Amino acid sequence: MEQQKLRELLETLHKELEQVDSVDKNTVAVLTNLREDISKLVSDDVGAMHENESLMQRMSEAVDHFEAGHPKLSMTIQHVLDSLANMGF
């Protein structure tokens, strides 16, 4: 159940990332990293997350980065982090 919810959140996050239009150099880097991280989460076994704390850190930093300019995106990233935490990551 949790993995299905996580996949749905990741799909929502991916769609929201595609809608970000005004970006600076730093935002481009954050978006690129998030897209790569989402691809890893969707395609890999979620259990591999235990080995990648930096991915969780990057997602947490993305929440802060998008909080002011893209609050909906920031909230979705936070929901993904919360779901991962509920799964024990």
Protein backbone atom coordinates (compact mmCIF):
# COMPACT_ATOMS: atom_id res chain seq x y z
CA MET A 1 0.00 0.00 0.00
CA GLU A 2 2.72 2.47 0.98
CA GLN A 3 4.73 1.71 -2.17
CA GLN A 4 1.67 2.33 -4.35
CA LYS A 5 1.06 5.65 -2.59
CA LEU A 6 4.72 6.56 -3.06
CA ARG A 7 4.57 5.78 -6.77
CA GLU A 8 1.46 7.93 -7.15
CA LEU A 9 3.17 10.80 -5.33
CA LEU A 10 6.25 10.42 -7.52
CA GLU A 11 4.10 10.57 -10.65
CA THR A 12 2.40 13.72 -9.33
CA LEU A 13 5.78 15.23 -8.49
CA HIS A 14 7.11 14.44 -11.94
CA LYS A 15 4.13 16.19 -13.55
CA GLU A 16 4.60 19.24 -11.34
CA LEU A 17 8.31 19.39 -12.18
CA GLU A 18 7.41 19.55 -15.85
CA GLN A 19 5.27 22.64 -15.18
CA VAL A 20 8.07 24.73 -13.63
CA ASP A 21 8.78 27.39 -16.22
CA SER A 22 10.80 30.24 -14.72
CA VAL A 23 14.16 28.88 -13.69
CA ASP A 24 17.59 30.19 -12.88
CA LYS A 25 20.82 28.18 -13.02
CA ASN A 26 20.43 26.88 -9.48
CA THR A 27 16.83 25.82 -10.11
CA VAL A 28 17.86 23.98 -13.26
CA ALA A 29 20.35 21.98 -11.19
CA VAL A 30 17.75 21.21 -8.51
CA LEU A 31 15.20 20.15 -11.14
CA THR A 32 17.73 17.96 -12.92
CA ASN A 33 18.68 16.20 -9.69
CA LEU A 34 15.03 15.71 -8.71
CA ARG A 35 14.15 14.22 -12.09
CA GLU A 36 17.07 11.80 -11.82
CA ASP A 37 16.14 10.90 -8.24
CA ILE A 38 12.52 10.30 -9.20
CA SER A 39 13.60 8.04 -12.05
CA LYS A 40 15.73 6.04 -9.61
CA LEU A 41 12.89 5.75 -7.12
CA VAL A 42 10.38 4.65 -9.74
CA SER A 43 12.64 2.19 -11.56
CA ASP A 44 14.67 0.76 -8.67
CA ASP A 45 13.61 -1.32 -5.75
CA VAL A 46 12.48 1.15 -3.09
CA GLY A 47 14.61 -0.83 -0.65
CA ALA A 48 17.69 0.66 -2.31
CA MET A 49 16.77 3.96 -0.65
CA HIS A 50 18.40 2.78 2.56
CA GLU A 51 21.73 3.06 0.76
CA ASN A 52 21.22 6.58 -0.54
CA GLU A 53 20.84 9.15 2.21
CA SER A 54 22.11 11.85 -0.14
CA LEU A 55 18.97 11.44 -2.23
CA MET A 56 16.84 12.19 0.83
CA GLN A 57 19.04 15.19 1.61
CA ARG A 58 18.69 16.54 -1.94
CA MET A 59 14.93 16.18 -1.79
CA SER A 60 14.85 17.98 1.55
CA GLU A 61 16.94 20.81 0.09
CA ALA A 62 14.55 20.96 -2.88
CA VAL A 63 11.65 21.50 -0.48
CA ASP A 64 13.43 24.57 0.87
CA HIS A 65 14.44 25.77 -2.61
CA PHE A 66 10.91 25.68 -4.04
CA GLU A 67 9.02 26.76 -0.92
CA ALA A 68 8.66 30.44 -1.82
CA GLY A 69 8.29 30.32 -5.60
CA HIS A 70 6.54 26.98 -6.08
CA PRO A 71 4.73 26.06 -2.86
CA LYS A 72 2.65 23.27 -4.44
CA LEU A 73 5.79 21.60 -5.77
CA SER A 74 7.50 22.01 -2.42
CA MET A 75 4.51 20.45 -0.66
CA THR A 76 4.50 17.46 -3.03
CA ILE A 77 8.20 16.85 -2.45
CA GLN A 78 7.53 16.99 1.29
CA HIS A 79 4.74 14.42 0.89
CA VAL A 80 7.19 12.10 -0.89
CA LEU A 81 9.68 12.54 1.96
CA ASP A 82 6.95 11.87 4.51
CA SER A 83 5.90 8.70 2.70
CA LEU A 84 9.49 7.49 2.61
CA ALA A 85 9.82 8.22 6.33
CA ASN A 86 6.62 6.26 7.02
CA MET A 87 8.16 3.35 5.14
CA GLY A 88 11.19 3.46 7.42
CA PHE A 89 13.67 5.35 5.25
